Protein backbone atom coordinates (compact mmCIF):
# COMPACT_ATOMS: atom_id res chain seq x y z
CA MET A 1 159.71 141.88 -31.62
CA GLY A 2 159.61 140.50 -34.94
CA LEU A 3 155.84 141.65 -36.87
CA LEU A 4 154.81 137.56 -36.87
CA SER A 5 155.04 137.81 -33.08
CA LYS A 6 153.18 141.46 -32.60
CA GLY A 7 150.55 139.36 -35.39
CA PHE A 8 150.47 135.66 -33.27
CA VAL A 9 149.84 138.73 -29.61
CA PHE A 10 147.61 140.41 -31.25
CA LEU A 11 145.46 137.66 -33.28
CA ALA A 12 144.87 135.91 -29.29
CA ALA A 13 144.19 139.12 -27.87
CA ALA A 14 141.26 139.34 -30.10
CA ALA A 15 139.95 136.38 -29.81
CA MET A 16 140.32 136.35 -26.01
CA GLY A 17 138.04 139.09 -26.14
CA ALA A 18 136.01 137.96 -28.43
CA ALA A 19 135.26 134.46 -25.86
CA LEU A 20 134.69 136.75 -23.20
CA ALA A 21 132.12 138.91 -24.88
CA THR A 22 130.14 135.43 -26.22
CA ARG A 23 130.41 134.04 -22.95
CA PRO A 24 126.93 132.66 -21.78
CA ASP A 25 125.58 134.39 -18.21
CA VAL A 26 123.07 132.27 -15.96
CA ASN A 27 119.69 133.39 -18.59
CA GLN A 28 121.13 132.43 -22.13
CA VAL A 29 122.44 129.37 -20.00
CA HIS A 30 118.72 128.92 -18.74
CA ALA A 31 117.57 129.84 -22.14
CA LEU A 32 119.86 127.24 -24.21
CA TYR A 33 118.36 124.45 -21.94
CA ALA A 34 114.88 125.46 -22.22
CA ASP A 35 116.20 125.02 -26.41
CA ARG A 36 117.92 122.28 -25.77
CA LEU A 37 115.15 119.80 -23.95
CA ILE A 38 112.80 121.23 -26.56
CA ALA A 39 115.26 119.44 -29.68
CA GLN A 40 115.15 116.07 -27.47
CA LEU A 41 112.52 116.24 -26.46
CA GLU A 42 110.85 116.05 -30.23
CA ASP A 43 113.47 114.17 -31.25
CA GLY A 44 113.18 111.59 -28.04
CA ALA A 45 116.28 110.65 -26.51
CA ILE A 46 115.87 112.22 -22.73
CA PRO A 47 117.87 109.87 -21.24
CA PHE A 48 114.99 109.26 -17.75
CA THR A 49 117.01 108.17 -15.17
CA ASP A 50 113.41 107.27 -12.67
CA LEU A 51 110.36 106.59 -14.38
CA VAL A 52 108.47 107.73 -11.45
CA ALA A 53 109.31 111.05 -12.52
CA ALA A 54 108.87 110.65 -16.17
CA ALA A 55 106.63 109.06 -15.85
CA SER A 56 104.74 112.97 -14.40
CA LEU A 57 106.28 114.63 -17.63
CA LEU A 58 104.27 112.79 -19.70
CA VAL A 59 101.64 114.97 -19.03
CA ALA A 60 104.04 118.23 -19.52
CA CYS A 61 105.14 116.65 -22.66
CA THR A 62 101.59 115.23 -24.07
CA ILE A 63 100.67 119.04 -24.06
CA SER A 64 103.53 120.06 -26.11
CA PRO A 65 107.62 119.65 -26.30
CA GLU A 66 107.72 123.38 -25.01
CA GLN A 67 105.62 122.73 -22.17
CA CYS A 68 107.11 119.88 -20.95
CA ALA A 69 110.93 121.76 -21.72
CA ARG A 70 109.13 124.57 -19.44
CA GLU A 71 108.33 122.32 -16.70
CA ILE A 72 111.51 119.93 -16.10
CA GLU A 73 113.81 123.37 -16.82
CA ARG A 74 111.54 124.69 -13.57
CA THR A 75 113.18 122.05 -11.70
CA ALA A 76 115.98 121.74 -13.09
CA SER A 77 119.58 122.80 -10.36
CA LEU A 78 122.44 124.86 -12.89
CA ARG A 79 125.34 124.70 -11.13
CA TYR A 80 127.35 127.74 -13.31
CA THR A 81 131.13 128.50 -12.78
CA ASN A 82 132.70 131.38 -15.22
CA ARG A 83 136.34 130.69 -16.17
CA TYR A 84 136.49 134.07 -17.62
CA LEU A 85 136.39 132.93 -21.24
CA TRP A 86 133.99 129.98 -21.34
CA ALA A 87 131.26 128.58 -17.83
CA SER A 88 131.60 125.63 -17.08
CA VAL A 89 127.75 124.48 -16.41
CA ARG A 90 126.25 121.20 -14.60
CA LEU A 91 122.88 120.93 -15.57
CA GLN A 92 120.46 118.46 -13.75
CA ALA A 93 116.53 117.82 -13.25
CA PRO A 94 114.68 115.26 -11.18
CA GLY A 95 114.39 111.45 -13.45
CA ILE A 96 117.02 112.99 -15.98
CA GLU A 97 121.05 112.39 -15.63
CA ALA A 98 122.87 114.68 -15.64
CA VAL A 99 124.76 117.13 -17.77
CA ASN A 100 128.32 118.25 -17.61
CA CYS A 101 128.14 121.07 -20.41
CA THR A 102 130.69 124.57 -20.90
CA ALA A 103 129.30 127.10 -21.93
CA ALA A 104 131.00 129.53 -25.23
CA LEU A 105 130.86 131.71 -27.79
CA ASN A 106 127.46 132.37 -27.00
CA ARG A 107 126.37 129.02 -27.29
CA LEU A 108 125.59 125.45 -24.34
CA PHE A 109 128.22 122.25 -25.49
CA CYS A 110 127.43 119.06 -23.53
């Protein structure tokens, strides 16, 4: 095995180790989802699918985006599937469009 081949094997092993070490766990995914919700609430970019649920959230949303995100995150269902180097995540909250995300490198990609 040549030096270049050994270098590629070492690089691949290092990349897999880094991905494994930076895959967010379930609690980190909850925190990342709350941060994402706060950013969407501040931008007004939440895709509501049920106006009744959206109306009930407006009370919390008028207080602050953080309070609103906390309420949404509290009622959200999360399906976390460990894929070893990353995690597949499905997040769904009442009245809000379901989101499929990938959790890797300490981030949530949706």
